[in-house]
Amino acid sequence: MDTGALLHGGISEPAASALDHVLLVVQINDWSLRTIAPIEMKTGFSWVQAKPACSLARVAASGGP
């Protein structure tokens, strides 16, 4: 499981102020097909089939009041 965040701000925002720009936090079920990954990494194109679509939790939490 991973955690994802939707941020409000530009890509040049400093890391120190990133928490001030979090709008939503959501849990992500990130799948990796580990038997296929080493074969794909040798091609130089990164993971194509070893990373299928991910799924998100049904609820996202906001940090606002």
C-alpha atoms as a PDB file:
ATOM      1  CA  MET A   1       0.000   0.000   0.000  1.00  0.00           C
ATOM      2  CA  ASP A   2       1.122   3.503  -0.779  1.00  0.00           C
ATOM      3  CA  THR A   3      -0.222   6.897   0.177  1.00  0.00           C
ATOM      4  CA  GLY A   4      -0.981   9.562  -2.409  1.00  0.00           C
ATOM      5  CA  ALA A   5      -1.612  13.265  -1.966  1.00  0.00           C
ATOM      6  CA  LEU A   6      -3.304  15.863  -4.155  1.00  0.00           C
ATOM      7  CA  LEU A   7      -1.381  19.109  -3.840  1.00  0.00           C
ATOM      8  CA  HIS A   8      -2.317  22.685  -4.659  1.00  0.00           C
ATOM      9  CA  GLY A   9       0.791  24.491  -5.855  1.00  0.00           C
ATOM     10  CA  GLY A  10       3.425  24.494  -8.525  1.00  0.00           C
ATOM     11  CA  ILE A  11       6.131  21.970  -9.252  1.00  0.00           C
ATOM     12  CA  SER A  12       8.721  24.492  -8.044  1.00  0.00           C
ATOM     13  CA  GLU A  13       7.227  24.529  -4.528  1.00  0.00           C
ATOM     14  CA  PRO A  14       9.930  23.848  -1.905  1.00  0.00           C
ATOM     15  CA  ALA A  15       9.640  20.537  -0.025  1.00  0.00           C
ATOM     16  CA  ALA A  16       9.560  22.353   3.325  1.00  0.00           C
ATOM     17  CA  SER A  17       6.194  23.947   2.506  1.00  0.00           C
ATOM     18  CA  ALA A  18       4.617  20.943   0.711  1.00  0.00           C
ATOM     19  CA  LEU A  19       2.436  19.966   3.696  1.00  0.00           C
ATOM     20  CA  ASP A  20       0.821  23.414   3.587  1.00  0.00           C
ATOM     21  CA  HIS A  21      -0.491  22.614   0.090  1.00  0.00           C
ATOM     22  CA  VAL A  22      -2.012  19.155   0.663  1.00  0.00           C
ATOM     23  CA  LEU A  23      -5.696  19.083  -0.345  1.00  0.00           C
ATOM     24  CA  LEU A  24      -6.468  15.349  -0.136  1.00  0.00           C
ATOM     25  CA  VAL A  25      -4.720  12.195   1.072  1.00  0.00           C
ATOM     26  CA  VAL A  26      -5.723   8.787  -0.290  1.00  0.00           C
ATOM     27  CA  GLN A  27      -4.515   5.208   0.060  1.00  0.00           C
ATOM     28  CA  ILE A  28      -3.309   3.547  -3.158  1.00  0.00           C
ATOM     29  CA  ASN A  29      -3.063  -0.181  -3.807  1.00  0.00           C
ATOM     30  CA  ASP A  30      -0.014  -0.205  -6.077  1.00  0.00           C
ATOM     31  CA  TRP A  31       0.482  -3.581  -7.778  1.00  0.00           C
ATOM     32  CA  SER A  32       3.820  -4.846  -9.056  1.00  0.00           C
ATOM     33  CA  LEU A  33       4.154  -8.084 -10.993  1.00  0.00           C
ATOM     34  CA  ARG A  34       7.568  -9.016  -9.631  1.00  0.00           C
ATOM     35  CA  THR A  35       8.181 -11.963 -11.937  1.00  0.00           C
ATOM     36  CA  ILE A  36       7.870  -9.745 -15.020  1.00  0.00           C
ATOM     37  CA  ALA A  37       9.688  -6.681 -13.646  1.00  0.00           C
ATOM     38  CA  PRO A  38      13.325  -7.904 -13.929  1.00  0.00           C
ATOM     39  CA  ILE A  39      12.780  -8.885 -17.568  1.00  0.00           C
ATOM     40  CA  GLU A  40      11.295  -5.482 -18.408  1.00  0.00           C
ATOM     41  CA  MET A  41      13.977  -3.526 -16.547  1.00  0.00           C
ATOM     42  CA  LYS A  42      16.644  -5.085 -18.791  1.00  0.00           C
ATOM     43  CA  THR A  43      14.997  -3.546 -21.883  1.00  0.00           C
ATOM     44  CA  GLY A  44      15.657   0.012 -20.694  1.00  0.00           C
ATOM     45  CA  PHE A  45      12.021   1.081 -21.143  1.00  0.00           C
ATOM     46  CA  SER A  46      11.165   0.700 -17.451  1.00  0.00           C
ATOM     47  CA  TRP A  47       8.049  -1.200 -16.361  1.00  0.00           C
ATOM     48  CA  VAL A  48       5.298  -1.542 -18.946  1.00  0.00           C
ATOM     49  CA  GLN A  49       3.389  -4.729 -18.159  1.00  0.00           C
ATOM     50  CA  ALA A  50       4.811  -5.234 -14.649  1.00  0.00           C
ATOM     51  CA  LYS A  51       2.855  -2.209 -13.335  1.00  0.00           C
ATOM     52  CA  PRO A  52      -0.846  -2.709 -14.093  1.00  0.00           C
ATOM     53  CA  ALA A  53      -3.483  -0.150 -13.159  1.00  0.00           C
ATOM     54  CA  CYS A  54      -3.628   0.786  -9.474  1.00  0.00           C
ATOM     55  CA  SER A  55      -6.714   1.099  -7.340  1.00  0.00           C
ATOM     56  CA  LEU A  56      -7.616   3.900  -4.933  1.00  0.00           C
ATOM     57  CA  ALA A  57      -9.424   3.801  -1.631  1.00  0.00           C
ATOM     58  CA  ARG A  58     -13.108   4.788  -1.766  1.00  0.00           C
ATOM     59  CA  VAL A  59     -12.523   7.699   0.611  1.00  0.00           C
ATOM     60  CA  ALA A  60      -9.973  10.520   0.559  1.00  0.00           C
ATOM     61  CA  ALA A  61      -9.200  12.571   3.653  1.00  0.00           C
ATOM     62  CA  SER A  62      -8.808  16.330   3.622  1.00  0.00           C
ATOM     63  CA  GLY A  63      -6.564  18.214   5.964  1.00  0.00           C
ATOM     64  CA  GLY A  64      -8.809  21.266   6.156  1.00  0.00           C
ATOM     65  CA  PRO A  65     -11.005  22.358   9.053  1.00  0.00           C
END
